[in-house]
């Protein structure tokens, strides 16, 4: 079975949560304006989110103190990519 394409999943979430919006245009989600990303923009932000999320999980596993900036950036990327909490 082939792995799902994260960008196609993003487009589906965008359509479902925000509606039909052209790439580069904005829609409202949870009181915030969210710009619909082009594939290359999405992949950069998705890779960044994945790396941040992996780092975040390692910090939790070690029991280290969380950095507020890391948490804020992780939440921002999660919102931009319309990923669930």
C-alpha atoms as a PDB file:
ATOM      1  CA  UNK A   1       0.000   0.000   0.000  1.00  0.00           C
ATOM      2  CA  UNK A   2       1.403   3.394  -1.002  1.00  0.00           C
ATOM      3  CA  UNK A   3       1.998   6.051   1.636  1.00  0.00           C
ATOM      4  CA  UNK A   4      -0.412   8.958   1.605  1.00  0.00           C
ATOM      5  CA  UNK A   5       0.790  12.253   0.138  1.00  0.00           C
ATOM      6  CA  UNK A   6       0.961  14.805   2.992  1.00  0.00           C
ATOM      7  CA  UNK A   7       0.198  17.703   0.618  1.00  0.00           C
ATOM      8  CA  UNK A   8      -2.957  16.029  -0.697  1.00  0.00           C
ATOM      9  CA  UNK A   9      -4.028  15.359   2.888  1.00  0.00           C
ATOM     10  CA  UNK A  10      -3.380  19.039   3.681  1.00  0.00           C
ATOM     11  CA  UNK A  11      -5.510  20.134   0.721  1.00  0.00           C
ATOM     12  CA  UNK A  12      -8.308  17.886   1.907  1.00  0.00           C
ATOM     13  CA  UNK A  13      -8.112  19.299   5.461  1.00  0.00           C
ATOM     14  CA  UNK A  14      -8.027  22.848   4.080  1.00  0.00           C
ATOM     15  CA  UNK A  15     -11.125  22.252   1.962  1.00  0.00           C
ATOM     16  CA  UNK A  16     -12.969  20.628   4.852  1.00  0.00           C
ATOM     17  CA  UNK A  17     -11.984  23.108   7.585  1.00  0.00           C
ATOM     18  CA  UNK A  18     -11.749  26.386   5.657  1.00  0.00           C
ATOM     19  CA  UNK A  19     -13.388  25.865   2.290  1.00  0.00           C
ATOM     20  CA  UNK A  20     -12.487  26.402  -1.338  1.00  0.00           C
ATOM     21  CA  UNK A  21      -9.671  28.962  -1.446  1.00  0.00           C
ATOM     22  CA  UNK A  22      -7.028  29.491  -4.137  1.00  0.00           C
ATOM     23  CA  UNK A  23      -3.383  28.736  -3.331  1.00  0.00           C
ATOM     24  CA  UNK A  24      -1.836  31.879  -1.839  1.00  0.00           C
ATOM     25  CA  UNK A  25      -5.196  33.175  -0.610  1.00  0.00           C
ATOM     26  CA  UNK A  26      -6.355  33.283   2.997  1.00  0.00           C
ATOM     27  CA  UNK A  27      -9.167  31.643   4.911  1.00  0.00           C
ATOM     28  CA  UNK A  28     -10.213  31.788   8.558  1.00  0.00           C
ATOM     29  CA  UNK A  29      -9.549  28.937  10.986  1.00  0.00           C
ATOM     30  CA  UNK A  30     -10.047  29.190  14.759  1.00  0.00           C
ATOM     31  CA  UNK A  31     -10.139  32.974  14.490  1.00  0.00           C
ATOM     32  CA  UNK A  32      -6.853  33.191  12.554  1.00  0.00           C
ATOM     33  CA  UNK A  33      -6.127  33.897   8.916  1.00  0.00           C
ATOM     34  CA  UNK A  34      -4.431  30.900   7.327  1.00  0.00           C
ATOM     35  CA  UNK A  35      -2.807  31.131   3.898  1.00  0.00           C
ATOM     36  CA  UNK A  36      -3.236  28.164   1.583  1.00  0.00           C
ATOM     37  CA  UNK A  37       0.258  26.949   0.824  1.00  0.00           C
ATOM     38  CA  UNK A  38       1.736  25.890  -2.506  1.00  0.00           C
ATOM     39  CA  UNK A  39       3.332  22.405  -2.570  1.00  0.00           C
ATOM     40  CA  UNK A  40       6.924  23.646  -2.070  1.00  0.00           C
ATOM     41  CA  UNK A  41       5.922  25.967   0.801  1.00  0.00           C
ATOM     42  CA  UNK A  42       3.931  23.174   2.403  1.00  0.00           C
ATOM     43  CA  UNK A  43       6.795  20.685   2.210  1.00  0.00           C
ATOM     44  CA  UNK A  44       9.223  23.161   3.836  1.00  0.00           C
ATOM     45  CA  UNK A  45       6.808  23.870   6.697  1.00  0.00           C
ATOM     46  CA  UNK A  46       5.858  20.193   7.012  1.00  0.00           C
ATOM     47  CA  UNK A  47       9.519  19.169   7.278  1.00  0.00           C
ATOM     48  CA  UNK A  48      10.088  21.900   9.867  1.00  0.00           C
ATOM     49  CA  UNK A  49       7.045  20.743  11.852  1.00  0.00           C
ATOM     50  CA  UNK A  50       8.174  17.114  11.710  1.00  0.00           C
ATOM     51  CA  UNK A  51      11.659  18.023  12.977  1.00  0.00           C
ATOM     52  CA  UNK A  52      10.264  20.258  15.737  1.00  0.00           C
ATOM     53  CA  UNK A  53       7.768  17.598  16.774  1.00  0.00           C
ATOM     54  CA  UNK A  54      10.483  14.925  16.952  1.00  0.00           C
ATOM     55  CA  UNK A  55      12.650  17.260  19.044  1.00  0.00           C
ATOM     56  CA  UNK A  56       9.666  18.063  21.287  1.00  0.00           C
ATOM     57  CA  UNK A  57       8.979  14.354  21.889  1.00  0.00           C
ATOM     58  CA  UNK A  58      12.646  13.705  22.757  1.00  0.00           C
ATOM     59  CA  UNK A  59      12.549  16.546  25.292  1.00  0.00           C
ATOM     60  CA  UNK A  60       9.434  15.059  26.887  1.00  0.00           C
ATOM     61  CA  UNK A  61      10.956  11.560  26.941  1.00  0.00           C
ATOM     62  CA  UNK A  62      14.077  12.869  28.693  1.00  0.00           C
ATOM     63  CA  UNK A  63      12.040  14.949  31.135  1.00  0.00           C
ATOM     64  CA  UNK A  64      13.852  18.142  30.148  1.00  0.00           C
ATOM     65  CA  UNK A  65      12.386  21.599  30.590  1.00  0.00           C
ATOM     66  CA  UNK A  66      10.448  22.816  27.558  1.00  0.00           C
ATOM     67  CA  UNK A  67      11.429  26.035  25.852  1.00  0.00           C
ATOM     68  CA  UNK A  68       8.419  28.346  25.349  1.00  0.00           C
ATOM     69  CA  UNK A  69       9.725  29.431  21.935  1.00  0.00           C
ATOM     70  CA  UNK A  70       9.795  25.802  20.749  1.00  0.00           C
ATOM     71  CA  UNK A  71       6.263  25.214  21.985  1.00  0.00           C
ATOM     72  CA  UNK A  72       4.997  28.415  20.342  1.00  0.00           C
ATOM     73  CA  UNK A  73       6.642  27.599  16.995  1.00  0.00           C
ATOM     74  CA  UNK A  74       5.317  24.038  17.094  1.00  0.00           C
ATOM     75  CA  UNK A  75       1.767  25.309  17.668  1.00  0.00           C
ATOM     76  CA  UNK A  76       2.139  27.893  14.877  1.00  0.00           C
ATOM     77  CA  UNK A  77       3.248  25.243  12.367  1.00  0.00           C
ATOM     78  CA  UNK A  78       0.519  22.873  13.544  1.00  0.00           C
ATOM     79  CA  UNK A  79      -2.083  25.590  12.931  1.00  0.00           C
ATOM     80  CA  UNK A  80      -0.644  26.573   9.538  1.00  0.00           C
ATOM     81  CA  UNK A  81      -0.708  22.949   8.406  1.00  0.00           C
ATOM     82  CA  UNK A  82      -4.167  22.395   9.913  1.00  0.00           C
ATOM     83  CA  UNK A  83      -2.949  19.419  11.901  1.00  0.00           C
ATOM     84  CA  UNK A  84      -5.043  18.163  14.794  1.00  0.00           C
ATOM     85  CA  UNK A  85      -4.009  18.841  18.382  1.00  0.00           C
END
